[in-house]
């Protein structure tokens, strides 16, 4: 400990320069540090959705969801699989390990779905694969209540409000749901 103190006393200019260099590197590094309000984050998650019109949840599970789960369970780096069967729709969510290349995992899922295609009924819509993208999610969701009838409210939202919101810089898209 005394050697640092002795050096600081004997060579004050050298020690001052050393600390100024450290502070300068810190300031330069801080100024050029990238800052993003919504940084790009890639979640290792895929969702497979299959539509089969006019089929109840129990039948969807037996006819579509169970074969999907069996076919997708052998995909490499798969950590967790959850499924949901509703009337006319089946969704299987796949969560992969950290560091998994999601594009390669999507290719593996496509290959598994291609092998499964002959086992599903012909009326089933082709499976679709969705990548979870936080940048594609909505930032603001607005609800509208009106004393007007539903058709008039929907027209007002589509023709007036949606057009005005789309003119705001930085707005990517407007989605109106629940109307006529």
N, C-alpha and C. Protein backbone atom coordinates (compact mmCIF):
# COMPACT_ATOMS: atom_id res chain seq x y z
N UNK A 1 0.83 -1.19 0.00
CA UNK A 1 0.00 0.00 0.00
C UNK A 1 0.87 1.25 0.00
N UNK A 2 1.96 1.19 0.72
CA UNK A 2 2.81 2.37 0.79
C UNK A 2 3.51 2.64 -0.53
N UNK A 3 3.70 1.62 -1.38
CA UNK A 3 4.37 1.84 -2.67
C UNK A 3 3.49 2.68 -3.59
N UNK A 4 2.16 2.48 -3.56
CA UNK A 4 1.27 3.30 -4.38
C UNK A 4 1.28 4.74 -3.88
N UNK A 5 1.27 4.90 -2.57
CA UNK A 5 1.31 6.23 -1.99
C UNK A 5 2.63 6.92 -2.31
N UNK A 6 3.73 6.20 -2.15
CA UNK A 6 5.05 6.79 -2.45
C UNK A 6 5.16 7.19 -3.91
N UNK A 7 4.67 6.35 -4.82
CA UNK A 7 4.71 6.66 -6.25
C UNK A 7 3.86 7.89 -6.55
N UNK A 8 2.69 7.99 -5.93
CA UNK A 8 1.82 9.13 -6.16
C UNK A 8 2.47 10.43 -5.68
N UNK A 9 3.19 10.35 -4.58
CA UNK A 9 3.85 11.56 -4.05
C UNK A 9 5.06 11.93 -4.90
N UNK A 10 5.85 10.93 -5.32
CA UNK A 10 7.06 11.21 -6.09
C UNK A 10 6.75 11.61 -7.53
N UNK A 11 5.68 11.08 -8.12
CA UNK A 11 5.37 11.36 -9.53
C UNK A 11 3.91 11.82 -9.65
N UNK A 12 3.59 13.00 -9.18
CA UNK A 12 2.19 13.46 -9.22
C UNK A 12 1.68 13.69 -10.65
N UNK A 13 2.55 14.14 -11.54
CA UNK A 13 2.11 14.39 -12.92
C UNK A 13 1.76 13.08 -13.62
N UNK A 14 2.55 12.04 -13.45
CA UNK A 14 2.29 10.74 -14.08
C UNK A 14 0.99 10.13 -13.56
N UNK A 15 0.76 10.22 -12.26
CA UNK A 15 -0.46 9.67 -11.68
C UNK A 15 -1.68 10.46 -12.16
N UNK A 16 -1.55 11.79 -12.24
CA UNK A 16 -2.65 12.62 -12.73
C UNK A 16 -2.96 12.28 -14.18
N UNK A 17 -1.94 12.10 -15.01
CA UNK A 17 -2.14 11.74 -16.41
C UNK A 17 -2.81 10.37 -16.53
N UNK A 18 -2.39 9.43 -15.71
CA UNK A 18 -3.00 8.10 -15.74
C UNK A 18 -4.50 8.19 -15.45
N UNK A 19 -4.87 8.92 -14.41
CA UNK A 19 -6.29 9.05 -14.07
C UNK A 19 -7.06 9.85 -15.11
N UNK A 20 -6.43 10.84 -15.72
CA UNK A 20 -7.10 11.58 -16.79
C UNK A 20 -7.35 10.69 -18.01
N UNK A 21 -6.41 9.79 -18.32
CA UNK A 21 -6.61 8.86 -19.43
C UNK A 21 -7.75 7.91 -19.13
N UNK A 22 -7.80 7.39 -17.89
CA UNK A 22 -8.89 6.47 -17.51
C UNK A 22 -10.23 7.19 -17.59
N UNK A 23 -10.31 8.43 -17.10
CA UNK A 23 -11.56 9.19 -17.15
C UNK A 23 -11.94 9.50 -18.59
N UNK A 24 -10.95 9.84 -19.44
CA UNK A 24 -11.24 10.14 -20.85
C UNK A 24 -11.78 8.90 -21.56
N UNK A 25 -11.16 7.75 -21.35
CA UNK A 25 -11.69 6.52 -21.96
C UNK A 25 -13.10 6.23 -21.47
N UNK A 26 -13.36 6.47 -20.21
CA UNK A 26 -14.71 6.25 -19.67
C UNK A 26 -15.73 7.17 -20.30
N UNK A 27 -15.39 8.45 -20.46
CA UNK A 27 -16.32 9.40 -21.07
C UNK A 27 -16.55 9.08 -22.54
N UNK A 28 -15.49 8.76 -23.27
CA UNK A 28 -15.63 8.42 -24.69
C UNK A 28 -16.48 7.16 -24.84
N UNK A 29 -16.21 6.16 -24.02
CA UNK A 29 -17.00 4.94 -24.07
C UNK A 29 -18.46 5.19 -23.74
N UNK A 30 -18.72 6.05 -22.79
CA UNK A 30 -20.09 6.37 -22.41
C UNK A 30 -20.81 7.13 -23.52
N UNK A 31 -20.11 8.07 -24.17
CA UNK A 31 -20.74 8.86 -25.23
C UNK A 31 -21.08 8.02 -26.45
N UNK A 32 -20.26 7.02 -26.76
CA UNK A 32 -20.50 6.19 -27.92
C UNK A 32 -21.23 4.89 -27.59
N UNK A 33 -21.72 4.76 -26.39
CA UNK A 33 -22.49 3.60 -25.98
C UNK A 33 -23.86 3.65 -26.66
N UNK A 34 -24.22 2.63 -27.44
CA UNK A 34 -25.52 2.68 -28.11
C UNK A 34 -26.66 2.50 -27.11
N UNK A 35 -27.65 3.35 -27.24
CA UNK A 35 -28.82 3.29 -26.38
C UNK A 35 -30.04 3.19 -27.29
N UNK A 36 -30.91 2.23 -27.01
CA UNK A 36 -32.10 2.03 -27.82
C UNK A 36 -33.28 1.86 -26.89
N UNK A 37 -34.35 2.58 -27.20
CA UNK A 37 -35.54 2.50 -26.37
C UNK A 37 -36.13 1.09 -26.41
N UNK A 38 -36.17 0.50 -27.60
CA UNK A 38 -36.66 -0.87 -27.76
C UNK A 38 -35.57 -1.68 -28.46
N UNK A 39 -34.61 -2.21 -27.72
CA UNK A 39 -33.52 -2.94 -28.37
C UNK A 39 -34.02 -4.22 -29.02
N UNK A 40 -33.27 -4.67 -30.03
CA UNK A 40 -33.65 -5.91 -30.71
C UNK A 40 -33.38 -7.08 -29.77
N UNK A 41 -34.44 -7.81 -29.50
CA UNK A 41 -34.35 -8.98 -28.64
C UNK A 41 -34.93 -10.14 -29.43
N UNK A 42 -34.22 -11.22 -29.47
CA UNK A 42 -34.73 -12.39 -30.17
C UNK A 42 -35.02 -13.48 -29.15
N UNK A 43 -36.30 -13.74 -28.96
CA UNK A 43 -36.71 -14.80 -28.05
C UNK A 43 -36.68 -16.12 -28.81
N UNK A 44 -36.13 -17.15 -28.22
CA UNK A 44 -36.11 -18.44 -28.91
C UNK A 44 -37.46 -19.14 -28.77
N UNK A 45 -38.48 -18.59 -29.42
CA UNK A 45 -39.83 -19.12 -29.28
C UNK A 45 -40.53 -19.13 -30.65
N UNK A 46 -41.18 -20.24 -30.96
CA UNK A 46 -41.97 -20.38 -32.18
C UNK A 46 -43.37 -20.87 -31.80
N UNK A 47 -44.35 -20.52 -32.61
CA UNK A 47 -45.70 -21.00 -32.41
C UNK A 47 -46.19 -21.61 -33.72
N UNK A 48 -46.74 -22.81 -33.64
CA UNK A 48 -47.32 -23.48 -34.79
C UNK A 48 -48.84 -23.41 -34.63
N UNK A 49 -49.52 -22.85 -35.61
CA UNK A 49 -50.97 -22.71 -35.55
C UNK A 49 -51.61 -23.48 -36.70
N UNK A 50 -52.68 -24.20 -36.38
CA UNK A 50 -53.40 -24.98 -37.38
C UNK A 50 -54.89 -24.69 -37.22
N UNK A 51 -55.56 -24.39 -38.32
CA UNK A 51 -57.00 -24.14 -38.31
C UNK A 51 -57.72 -25.32 -38.96
N UNK A 52 -58.83 -25.71 -38.34
CA UNK A 52 -59.67 -26.78 -38.85
C UNK A 52 -61.10 -26.39 -38.50
N UNK A 53 -61.79 -25.80 -39.44
CA UNK A 53 -63.10 -25.19 -39.19
C UNK A 53 -64.13 -26.19 -38.68
N UNK A 54 -64.97 -25.69 -37.80
CA UNK A 54 -66.13 -26.42 -37.28
C UNK A 54 -65.77 -27.71 -36.56
N UNK A 55 -64.67 -27.72 -35.85
CA UNK A 55 -64.27 -28.90 -35.06
C UNK A 55 -64.13 -28.45 -33.61
N UNK A 56 -64.70 -29.21 -32.70
CA UNK A 56 -64.67 -28.86 -31.28
C UNK A 56 -63.29 -29.04 -30.67
N UNK A 57 -63.08 -28.49 -29.48
CA UNK A 57 -61.76 -28.54 -28.83
C UNK A 57 -61.26 -29.96 -28.57
N UNK A 58 -62.15 -30.86 -28.12
CA UNK A 58 -61.72 -32.23 -27.83
C UNK A 58 -61.25 -32.93 -29.09
N UNK A 59 -62.01 -32.76 -30.19
CA UNK A 59 -61.62 -33.37 -31.46
C UNK A 59 -60.35 -32.75 -31.99
N UNK A 60 -60.20 -31.42 -31.83
CA UNK A 60 -58.98 -30.75 -32.28
C UNK A 60 -57.77 -31.32 -31.56
N UNK A 61 -57.92 -31.57 -30.27
CA UNK A 61 -56.81 -32.11 -29.51
C UNK A 61 -56.44 -33.51 -30.01
N UNK A 62 -57.45 -34.34 -30.24
CA UNK A 62 -57.18 -35.71 -30.66
C UNK A 62 -56.68 -35.80 -32.10
N UNK A 63 -57.28 -35.01 -32.98
CA UNK A 63 -56.98 -35.12 -34.41
C UNK A 63 -55.74 -34.31 -34.81
N UNK A 64 -55.55 -33.13 -34.21
CA UNK A 64 -54.49 -32.22 -34.68
C UNK A 64 -53.41 -32.00 -33.63
N UNK A 65 -53.78 -31.61 -32.42
CA UNK A 65 -52.79 -31.19 -31.42
C UNK A 65 -51.87 -32.33 -30.99
N UNK A 66 -52.44 -33.50 -30.68
CA UNK A 66 -51.60 -34.62 -30.24
C UNK A 66 -50.59 -35.05 -31.30
N UNK A 67 -51.01 -35.22 -32.57
CA UNK A 67 -50.00 -35.54 -33.60
C UNK A 67 -48.96 -34.43 -33.78
N UNK A 68 -49.38 -33.18 -33.65
CA UNK A 68 -48.41 -32.08 -33.74
C UNK A 68 -47.38 -32.18 -32.62
N UNK A 69 -47.85 -32.39 -31.41
CA UNK A 69 -46.94 -32.50 -30.26
C UNK A 69 -45.96 -33.65 -30.44
N UNK A 70 -46.46 -34.78 -30.91
CA UNK A 70 -45.59 -35.94 -31.12
C UNK A 70 -44.53 -35.67 -32.19
N UNK A 71 -44.93 -35.01 -33.26
CA UNK A 71 -43.98 -34.73 -34.34
C UNK A 71 -42.96 -33.68 -33.94
N UNK A 72 -43.37 -32.69 -33.16
CA UNK A 72 -42.48 -31.58 -32.81
C UNK A 72 -41.62 -31.86 -31.59
N UNK A 73 -41.93 -32.90 -30.84
CA UNK A 73 -41.18 -33.16 -29.60
C UNK A 73 -39.74 -33.60 -29.85
N UNK A 74 -39.43 -34.03 -31.06
CA UNK A 74 -38.08 -34.52 -31.35
C UNK A 74 -37.15 -33.43 -31.92
N UNK A 75 -37.58 -32.22 -31.94
CA UNK A 75 -36.77 -31.13 -32.51
C UNK A 75 -35.62 -30.82 -31.55
N UNK A 76 -34.40 -30.64 -32.09
CA UNK A 76 -33.24 -30.36 -31.22
C UNK A 76 -33.39 -29.04 -30.45
N UNK A 77 -32.82 -28.99 -29.27
CA UNK A 77 -32.77 -27.81 -28.39
C UNK A 77 -34.13 -27.36 -27.87
N UNK A 78 -35.17 -28.17 -28.04
CA UNK A 78 -36.49 -27.83 -27.54
C UNK A 78 -36.51 -28.01 -26.03
N UNK A 79 -36.85 -26.94 -25.30
CA UNK A 79 -36.87 -27.01 -23.84
C UNK A 79 -38.28 -27.16 -23.28
N UNK A 80 -39.25 -26.50 -23.92
CA UNK A 80 -40.61 -26.51 -23.37
C UNK A 80 -41.61 -26.44 -24.51
N UNK A 81 -42.68 -27.21 -24.39
CA UNK A 81 -43.73 -27.19 -25.39
C UNK A 81 -45.07 -27.09 -24.67
N UNK A 82 -45.89 -26.14 -25.08
CA UNK A 82 -47.24 -26.01 -24.53
C UNK A 82 -48.21 -25.96 -25.69
N UNK A 83 -49.42 -26.43 -25.47
CA UNK A 83 -50.40 -26.44 -26.55
C UNK A 83 -51.74 -25.94 -26.03
N UNK A 84 -52.53 -25.48 -26.99
CA UNK A 84 -53.85 -24.97 -26.67
C UNK A 84 -54.78 -25.36 -27.81
N UNK A 85 -55.87 -26.02 -27.48
CA UNK A 85 -56.85 -26.44 -28.48
C UNK A 85 -58.15 -25.71 -28.22
N UNK A 86 -58.64 -25.06 -29.25
CA UNK A 86 -59.91 -24.34 -29.18
C UNK A 86 -60.78 -24.84 -30.33
N UNK A 87 -61.98 -24.32 -30.39
CA UNK A 87 -62.86 -24.70 -31.48
C UNK A 87 -62.28 -24.20 -32.80
N UNK A 88 -61.93 -25.13 -33.67
CA UNK A 88 -61.41 -24.80 -34.99
C UNK A 88 -59.96 -24.36 -35.02
N UNK A 89 -59.26 -24.42 -33.90
CA UNK A 89 -57.89 -23.90 -33.89
C UNK A 89 -57.02 -24.66 -32.88
N UNK A 90 -55.79 -24.90 -33.28
CA UNK A 90 -54.82 -25.54 -32.40
C UNK A 90 -53.53 -24.74 -32.46
N UNK A 91 -52.94 -24.47 -31.30
CA UNK A 91 -51.67 -23.74 -31.23
C UNK A 91 -50.70 -24.52 -30.35
N UNK A 92 -49.49 -24.69 -30.86
CA UNK A 92 -48.43 -25.34 -30.10
C UNK A 92 -47.28 -24.35 -30.00
N UNK A 93 -46.91 -23.97 -28.78
CA UNK A 93 -45.82 -23.03 -28.55
C UNK A 93 -44.56 -23.81 -28.20
N UNK A 94 -43.47 -23.46 -28.86
CA UNK A 94 -42.19 -24.14 -28.67
C UNK A 94 -41.17 -23.15 -28.14
N UNK A 95 -40.56 -23.47 -27.02
CA UNK A 95 -39.52 -22.62 -26.44
C UNK A 95 -38.20 -23.38 -26.53
N UNK A 96 -37.20 -22.71 -27.10
CA UNK A 96 -35.90 -23.33 -27.31
C UNK A 96 -34.88 -22.77 -26.32
N UNK A 97 -33.75 -23.46 -26.21
CA UNK A 97 -32.69 -23.04 -25.31
C UNK A 97 -32.04 -21.75 -25.78
N UNK A 98 -31.45 -21.03 -24.84
CA UNK A 98 -30.74 -19.79 -25.17
C UNK A 98 -29.63 -20.09 -26.17
N UNK A 99 -29.45 -19.18 -27.11
CA UNK A 99 -28.41 -19.34 -28.10
C UNK A 99 -28.82 -20.18 -29.29
N UNK A 100 -30.05 -20.68 -29.30
CA UNK A 100 -30.53 -21.46 -30.44
C UNK A 100 -30.81 -20.53 -31.60
N UNK A 101 -30.32 -20.89 -32.78
CA UNK A 101 -30.60 -20.12 -34.00
C UNK A 101 -32.06 -20.37 -34.36
N UNK A 102 -32.89 -19.34 -34.23
CA UNK A 102 -34.33 -19.50 -34.39
C UNK A 102 -34.69 -19.81 -35.84
N UNK A 103 -33.89 -19.34 -36.81
CA UNK A 103 -34.17 -19.65 -38.21
C UNK A 103 -33.92 -21.14 -38.49
N UNK A 104 -32.87 -21.66 -37.91
CA UNK A 104 -32.59 -23.09 -38.06
C UNK A 104 -33.66 -23.92 -37.36
N UNK A 105 -34.10 -23.47 -36.21
CA UNK A 105 -35.17 -24.17 -35.49
C UNK A 105 -36.47 -24.14 -36.30
N UNK A 106 -36.74 -23.01 -36.97
CA UNK A 106 -37.94 -22.91 -37.81
C UNK A 106 -37.85 -23.89 -38.98
N UNK A 107 -36.66 -24.06 -39.53
CA UNK A 107 -36.49 -25.04 -40.60
C UNK A 107 -36.73 -26.46 -40.10
N UNK A 108 -36.27 -26.75 -38.88
CA UNK A 108 -36.51 -28.07 -38.29
C UNK A 108 -38.00 -28.29 -38.06
N UNK A 109 -38.70 -27.24 -37.64
CA UNK A 109 -40.14 -27.33 -37.42
C UNK A 109 -40.85 -27.57 -38.75
N UNK A 110 -40.43 -26.85 -39.80
CA UNK A 110 -41.04 -27.06 -41.13
C UNK A 110 -40.85 -28.50 -41.61
N UNK A 111 -39.65 -29.03 -41.39
CA UNK A 111 -39.38 -30.40 -41.81
C UNK A 111 -40.26 -31.39 -41.04
N UNK A 112 -40.43 -31.18 -39.75
CA UNK A 112 -41.29 -32.05 -38.95
C UNK A 112 -42.74 -31.94 -39.39
N UNK A 113 -43.18 -30.72 -39.73
CA UNK A 113 -44.56 -30.54 -40.19
C UNK A 113 -44.77 -31.17 -41.57
N UNK A 114 -43.76 -31.13 -42.42
CA UNK A 114 -43.88 -31.78 -43.73
C UNK A 114 -44.05 -33.29 -43.58
N UNK A 115 -43.33 -33.88 -42.63
CA UNK A 115 -43.46 -35.32 -42.38
C UNK A 115 -44.84 -35.66 -41.81
N UNK A 116 -45.44 -34.71 -41.10
CA UNK A 116 -46.72 -34.94 -40.44
C UNK A 116 -47.91 -34.70 -41.36
N UNK A 117 -47.74 -33.97 -42.44
CA UNK A 117 -48.84 -33.49 -43.26
C UNK A 117 -49.79 -34.61 -43.72
N UNK A 118 -49.26 -35.79 -44.06
CA UNK A 118 -50.11 -36.88 -44.54
C UNK A 118 -50.96 -37.48 -43.43
N UNK A 119 -50.58 -37.31 -42.17
CA UNK A 119 -51.33 -37.88 -41.05
C UNK A 119 -52.53 -37.01 -40.65
N UNK A 120 -52.52 -35.74 -41.05
CA UNK A 120 -53.62 -34.84 -40.71
C UNK A 120 -54.73 -34.96 -41.74
N UNK A 121 -55.97 -34.68 -41.35
CA UNK A 121 -57.07 -34.71 -42.33
C UNK A 121 -56.83 -33.68 -43.45
N UNK A 122 -57.39 -33.99 -44.63
CA UNK A 122 -57.17 -33.12 -45.79
C UNK A 122 -57.82 -31.75 -45.63
N UNK A 123 -58.87 -31.65 -44.82
CA UNK A 123 -59.58 -30.38 -44.64
C UNK A 123 -58.82 -29.39 -43.77
N UNK A 124 -57.79 -29.87 -43.09
CA UNK A 124 -57.01 -29.01 -42.19
C UNK A 124 -56.21 -28.02 -43.02
N UNK A 125 -56.26 -26.74 -42.61
CA UNK A 125 -55.44 -25.72 -43.27
C UNK A 125 -53.96 -26.04 -43.02
N UNK A 126 -53.10 -25.67 -43.95
CA UNK A 126 -51.66 -25.91 -43.72
C UNK A 126 -51.18 -25.20 -42.45
N UNK A 127 -50.33 -25.85 -41.68
CA UNK A 127 -49.82 -25.23 -40.45
C UNK A 127 -49.01 -23.97 -40.76
N UNK A 128 -49.15 -22.99 -39.91
CA UNK A 128 -48.36 -21.76 -40.06
C UNK A 128 -47.43 -21.64 -38.85
N UNK A 129 -46.25 -21.09 -39.11
CA UNK A 129 -45.23 -20.94 -38.07
C UNK A 129 -45.03 -19.46 -37.81
N UNK A 130 -45.12 -19.07 -36.55
CA UNK A 130 -44.92 -17.67 -36.16
C UNK A 130 -43.70 -17.58 -35.27
N UNK A 131 -42.85 -16.62 -35.58
CA UNK A 131 -41.73 -16.31 -34.69
C UNK A 131 -42.18 -15.22 -33.74
N UNK A 132 -41.82 -15.36 -32.50
CA UNK A 132 -42.18 -14.35 -31.50
C UNK A 132 -41.27 -13.14 -31.69
N UNK A 133 -41.85 -12.01 -32.05
CA UNK A 133 -41.09 -10.79 -32.30
C UNK A 133 -41.66 -9.67 -31.44
N UNK A 134 -40.93 -9.28 -30.37
CA UNK A 134 -41.46 -8.22 -29.52
C UNK A 134 -41.59 -6.89 -30.24
N UNK A 135 -40.82 -6.70 -31.30
CA UNK A 135 -40.91 -5.45 -32.05
C UNK A 135 -42.18 -5.35 -32.86
N UNK A 136 -42.84 -6.48 -33.10
CA UNK A 136 -44.06 -6.48 -33.89
C UNK A 136 -45.30 -6.32 -33.02
N UNK A 137 -45.12 -6.29 -31.72
CA UNK A 137 -46.27 -6.16 -30.84
C UNK A 137 -46.69 -4.69 -30.73
N UNK A 138 -47.93 -4.53 -30.38
CA UNK A 138 -48.50 -3.19 -30.27
C UNK A 138 -47.86 -2.42 -29.12
N UNK A 139 -47.74 -1.15 -29.33
CA UNK A 139 -47.22 -0.26 -28.30
C UNK A 139 -48.39 0.35 -27.53
N UNK A 140 -49.40 0.72 -28.27
CA UNK A 140 -50.58 1.35 -27.65
C UNK A 140 -51.83 0.63 -28.13
N UNK A 141 -52.72 0.32 -27.22
CA UNK A 141 -54.01 -0.26 -27.55
C UNK A 141 -55.08 0.69 -27.02
N UNK A 142 -55.98 1.10 -27.89
CA UNK A 142 -57.05 2.01 -27.50
C UNK A 142 -58.39 1.30 -27.60
N UNK A 143 -59.27 1.59 -26.69
CA UNK A 143 -60.64 1.08 -26.73
C UNK A 143 -61.58 2.25 -26.97
N UNK A 144 -62.62 1.99 -27.71
CA UNK A 144 -63.57 3.04 -28.06
C UNK A 144 -64.96 2.60 -27.63
N UNK A 145 -65.68 3.49 -26.99
CA UNK A 145 -67.08 3.26 -26.64
C UNK A 145 -67.88 4.42 -27.23
N UNK A 146 -69.04 4.10 -27.77
CA UNK A 146 -69.83 5.13 -28.41
C UNK A 146 -71.31 4.83 -28.25
N UNK A 147 -72.11 5.90 -28.32
CA UNK A 147 -73.56 5.73 -28.29
C UNK A 147 -74.10 5.48 -29.69
N UNK A 148 -73.25 5.65 -30.72
CA UNK A 148 -73.66 5.37 -32.10
C UNK A 148 -73.79 3.86 -32.29
N UNK A 149 -74.41 3.49 -33.42
CA UNK A 149 -74.48 2.06 -33.72
C UNK A 149 -73.10 1.56 -34.15
N UNK A 150 -72.92 0.24 -34.13
CA UNK A 150 -71.61 -0.37 -34.35
C UNK A 150 -71.06 -0.05 -35.75
N UNK A 151 -71.91 -0.06 -36.75
CA UNK A 151 -71.46 0.21 -38.13
C UNK A 151 -70.95 1.65 -38.26
N UNK A 152 -71.64 2.60 -37.67
CA UNK A 152 -71.21 4.00 -37.74
C UNK A 152 -69.91 4.22 -36.98
N UNK A 153 -69.78 3.57 -35.85
CA UNK A 153 -68.55 3.69 -35.07
C UNK A 153 -67.37 3.09 -35.83
N UNK A 154 -67.59 1.94 -36.45
CA UNK A 154 -66.52 1.30 -37.23
C UNK A 154 -66.09 2.18 -38.39
N UNK A 155 -67.05 2.75 -39.11
CA UNK A 155 -66.73 3.66 -40.24
C UNK A 155 -65.93 4.87 -39.74
N UNK A 156 -66.35 5.43 -38.62
CA UNK A 156 -65.65 6.59 -38.06
C UNK A 156 -64.21 6.23 -37.72
N UNK A 157 -64.02 5.07 -37.11
CA UNK A 157 -62.67 4.65 -36.75
C UNK A 157 -61.80 4.41 -37.99
N UNK A 158 -62.36 3.77 -39.00
CA UNK A 158 -61.58 3.45 -40.20
C UNK A 158 -61.28 4.69 -41.04
N UNK A 159 -62.24 5.55 -41.20
CA UNK A 159 -62.08 6.68 -42.12
C UNK A 159 -61.43 7.90 -41.48
N UNK A 160 -61.70 8.11 -40.22
CA UNK A 160 -61.20 9.33 -39.57
C UNK A 160 -59.98 9.05 -38.68
N UNK A 161 -60.20 8.30 -37.62
CA UNK A 161 -59.15 8.13 -36.62
C UNK A 161 -57.95 7.35 -37.15
N UNK A 162 -58.20 6.25 -37.85
CA UNK A 162 -57.08 5.43 -38.35
C UNK A 162 -56.21 6.24 -39.31
N UNK A 163 -56.83 7.01 -40.19
CA UNK A 163 -56.05 7.82 -41.13
C UNK A 163 -55.23 8.88 -40.42
N UNK A 164 -55.78 9.48 -39.40
CA UNK A 164 -55.03 10.49 -38.65
C UNK A 164 -53.87 9.87 -37.88
N UNK A 165 -54.09 8.70 -37.28
CA UNK A 165 -53.01 8.03 -36.55
C UNK A 165 -51.90 7.58 -37.50
N UNK A 166 -52.26 7.13 -38.70
CA UNK A 166 -51.26 6.67 -39.66
C UNK A 166 -50.36 7.80 -40.14
N UNK A 167 -50.80 9.04 -40.04
CA UNK A 167 -50.00 10.19 -40.48
C UNK A 167 -48.97 10.60 -39.44
N UNK A 168 -49.07 10.07 -38.25
CA UNK A 168 -48.10 10.40 -37.20
C UNK A 168 -46.77 9.72 -37.54
N UNK A 169 -45.66 10.47 -37.50
CA UNK A 169 -44.36 9.86 -37.82
C UNK A 169 -44.02 8.73 -36.83
N UNK A 170 -43.54 7.61 -37.38
CA UNK A 170 -43.14 6.48 -36.56
C UNK A 170 -44.21 5.43 -36.37
N UNK A 171 -45.44 5.70 -36.81
CA UNK A 171 -46.51 4.72 -36.67
C UNK A 171 -46.36 3.68 -37.77
N UNK A 172 -46.25 2.41 -37.38
CA UNK A 172 -46.06 1.35 -38.36
C UNK A 172 -47.37 0.87 -38.97
N UNK A 173 -48.33 0.58 -38.14
CA UNK A 173 -49.61 0.11 -38.66
C UNK A 173 -50.70 0.33 -37.62
N UNK A 174 -51.91 0.37 -38.12
CA UNK A 174 -53.09 0.53 -37.28
C UNK A 174 -53.98 -0.69 -37.55
N UNK A 175 -54.43 -1.32 -36.49
CA UNK A 175 -55.33 -2.47 -36.62
C UNK A 175 -56.60 -2.17 -35.86
N UNK A 176 -57.71 -2.26 -36.55
CA UNK A 176 -59.01 -2.05 -35.91
C UNK A 176 -59.68 -3.41 -35.80
N UNK A 177 -60.06 -3.78 -34.60
CA UNK A 177 -60.70 -5.08 -34.41
C UNK A 177 -61.96 -4.90 -33.58
N UNK A 178 -62.88 -5.81 -33.77
CA UNK A 178 -64.11 -5.79 -32.99
C UNK A 178 -65.24 -5.03 -33.64
N UNK A 179 -65.00 -4.41 -34.78
CA UNK A 179 -66.05 -3.67 -35.46
C UNK A 179 -66.83 -4.56 -36.40
N UNK A 180 -67.60 -3.92 -37.27
CA UNK A 180 -68.40 -4.66 -38.23
C UNK A 180 -67.47 -5.18 -39.31
